[in-house]
Protein backbone atom coordinates (compact mmCIF):
# COMPACT_ATOMS: atom_id res chain seq x y z
CA UNK A 1 59.62 115.73 90.24
CA UNK A 2 60.99 112.46 91.56
CA UNK A 3 63.19 109.72 90.19
CA UNK A 4 62.65 106.25 90.95
CA UNK A 5 65.64 103.52 90.51
CA UNK A 6 66.20 100.29 91.67
CA UNK A 7 69.88 100.90 90.95
CA UNK A 8 72.37 103.34 90.03
CA UNK A 9 75.76 102.31 88.58
CA UNK A 10 79.01 103.56 86.58
CA UNK A 11 78.78 104.52 82.75
CA UNK A 12 80.09 101.53 81.72
CA UNK A 13 76.91 99.77 84.28
CA UNK A 14 79.76 97.76 86.15
CA UNK A 15 79.91 98.75 89.10
CA UNK A 16 78.59 101.51 91.66
CA UNK A 17 78.73 105.33 90.98
CA UNK A 18 81.77 106.65 92.44
CA UNK A 19 81.04 109.71 95.38
CA UNK A 20 83.69 112.46 95.17
CA UNK A 21 81.76 115.88 96.63
CA UNK A 22 78.95 114.39 98.83
CA UNK A 23 79.19 114.54 102.67
CA UNK A 24 79.35 110.59 102.83
CA UNK A 25 82.09 108.11 103.74
CA UNK A 26 84.65 107.77 101.36
CA UNK A 27 85.53 104.21 103.32
CA UNK A 28 85.09 101.68 105.17
CA UNK A 29 86.34 98.77 106.47
CA UNK A 30 85.11 96.18 108.95
CA UNK A 31 88.33 94.33 110.11
CA UNK A 32 88.71 90.52 112.04
CA UNK A 33 92.01 91.65 113.53
CA UNK A 34 93.11 88.77 115.10
CA UNK A 35 96.32 86.47 114.12
CA UNK A 36 96.83 87.42 110.58
CA UNK A 37 94.24 90.50 110.19
CA UNK A 38 91.73 90.25 107.56
CA UNK A 39 88.88 93.00 105.55
CA UNK A 40 85.30 90.91 106.07
CA UNK A 41 84.21 93.59 104.00
CA UNK A 42 84.58 97.33 102.75
CA UNK A 43 84.20 99.94 100.68
CA UNK A 44 87.45 101.55 99.54
CA UNK A 45 89.32 99.66 101.70
CA UNK A 46 92.11 97.34 99.38
CA UNK A 47 93.43 95.67 102.68
CA UNK A 48 95.09 95.41 105.60
CA UNK A 49 98.62 95.31 106.73
CA UNK A 50 99.66 94.46 109.66
CA UNK A 51 103.01 96.13 111.40
CA UNK A 52 102.56 94.68 115.39
CA UNK A 53 100.29 93.93 117.46
CA UNK A 54 97.49 95.76 118.01
CA UNK A 55 98.83 97.65 115.22
CA UNK A 56 97.31 97.72 111.73
CA UNK A 57 97.12 99.66 108.45
CA UNK A 58 93.78 99.76 106.41
CA UNK A 59 94.85 100.55 103.28
CA UNK A 60 92.70 102.31 100.53
CA UNK A 61 91.67 101.72 96.78
CA UNK A 62 91.27 105.60 95.89
CA UNK A 63 93.32 108.06 97.93
CA UNK A 64 92.08 110.98 99.40
CA UNK A 65 92.56 114.22 98.38
CA UNK A 66 94.78 115.37 101.49
CA UNK A 67 94.98 114.07 104.73
CA UNK A 68 94.31 117.67 106.41
CA UNK A 69 90.50 117.88 105.57
CA UNK A 70 90.24 114.08 106.32
CA UNK A 71 88.82 112.33 109.82
CA UNK A 72 88.76 108.86 110.17
CA UNK A 73 86.64 107.16 112.85
CA UNK A 74 87.66 103.62 114.60
CA UNK A 75 85.69 101.59 117.01
CA UNK A 76 86.15 98.10 118.31
CA UNK A 77 84.89 95.40 120.52
CA UNK A 78 86.91 92.80 122.66
CA UNK A 79 86.99 88.94 122.42
CA UNK A 80 84.98 88.02 125.28
CA UNK A 81 87.13 87.76 128.66
CA UNK A 82 90.03 89.46 127.53
CA UNK A 83 89.54 92.74 129.01
CA UNK A 84 86.71 93.76 131.24
CA UNK A 85 87.67 98.07 130.63
CA UNK A 86 86.13 98.05 126.97
CA UNK A 87 88.83 98.62 123.91
CA UNK A 88 90.21 102.13 123.08
CA UNK A 89 90.24 102.46 119.42
CA UNK A 90 92.42 105.00 117.81
CA UNK A 91 94.18 106.07 114.68
CA UNK A 92 98.20 106.65 115.26
CA UNK A 93 100.57 109.05 113.92
CA UNK A 94 103.35 109.40 116.56
CA UNK A 95 106.68 108.89 114.43
CA UNK A 96 107.02 105.35 115.51
CA UNK A 97 104.14 103.91 113.57
CA UNK A 98 103.00 103.99 110.17
CA UNK A 99 102.56 107.51 108.53
CA UNK A 100 98.97 108.91 108.13
CA UNK A 101 99.18 109.49 104.65
CA UNK A 102 96.37 109.85 102.07
CA UNK A 103 95.90 105.89 100.94
CA UNK A 104 96.58 104.36 104.53
CA UNK A 105 95.10 104.82 107.58
CA UNK A 106 97.38 103.15 111.20
CA UNK A 107 94.90 101.94 113.29
CA UNK A 108 95.99 100.77 117.16
CA UNK A 109 93.73 98.77 119.49
CA UNK A 110 94.46 98.29 123.08
CA UNK A 111 92.68 97.87 126.28
CA UNK A 112 94.28 101.18 128.15
CA UNK A 113 96.86 103.89 126.88
CA UNK A 114 99.94 101.66 126.98
CA UNK A 115 98.70 97.70 126.69
CA UNK A 116 98.14 97.34 122.73
CA UNK A 117 96.40 93.43 121.48
CA UNK A 118 94.64 92.02 118.68
CA UNK A 119 90.96 92.57 118.97
CA UNK A 120 88.28 90.20 116.70
CA UNK A 121 86.45 93.21 115.48
CA UNK A 122 87.09 97.01 114.56
CA UNK A 123 86.41 98.99 111.66
CA UNK A 124 86.94 102.46 110.39
CA UNK A 125 85.11 104.75 108.44
CA UNK A 126 86.77 107.89 106.37
CA UNK A 127 85.13 111.56 105.72
CA UNK A 128 86.53 113.74 102.77
CA UNK A 129 86.91 114.38 99.72
CA UNK A 130 88.78 111.81 97.22
CA UNK A 131 91.41 112.37 95.26
């Protein structure tokens, strides 16, 4: 038996099906982190908050069920000529930064363990269960 379709949509036929139990990314965002950060494209990411140089929080449209069983994987790239050592893009939760919550993931972009700076491209994907 096979199922062949061109499109799967929600019950109303107006949007995509929401993944709830499947093991797939429940959210992702492609972000321009320079100046006023903006989301280029995304799934389940409603906005981005600029908290400081090199620090942003990606805000989710639909919250995750818990922070215990969720995983966020950030990645970034540098502007040419900024630093030849590459970029460290990590999820923050050290008390001085926005808290990791079920609906907001704080991201830091830095060239080493101490120097934070804005980067033109970074992304984050989130795995786990939606609320």
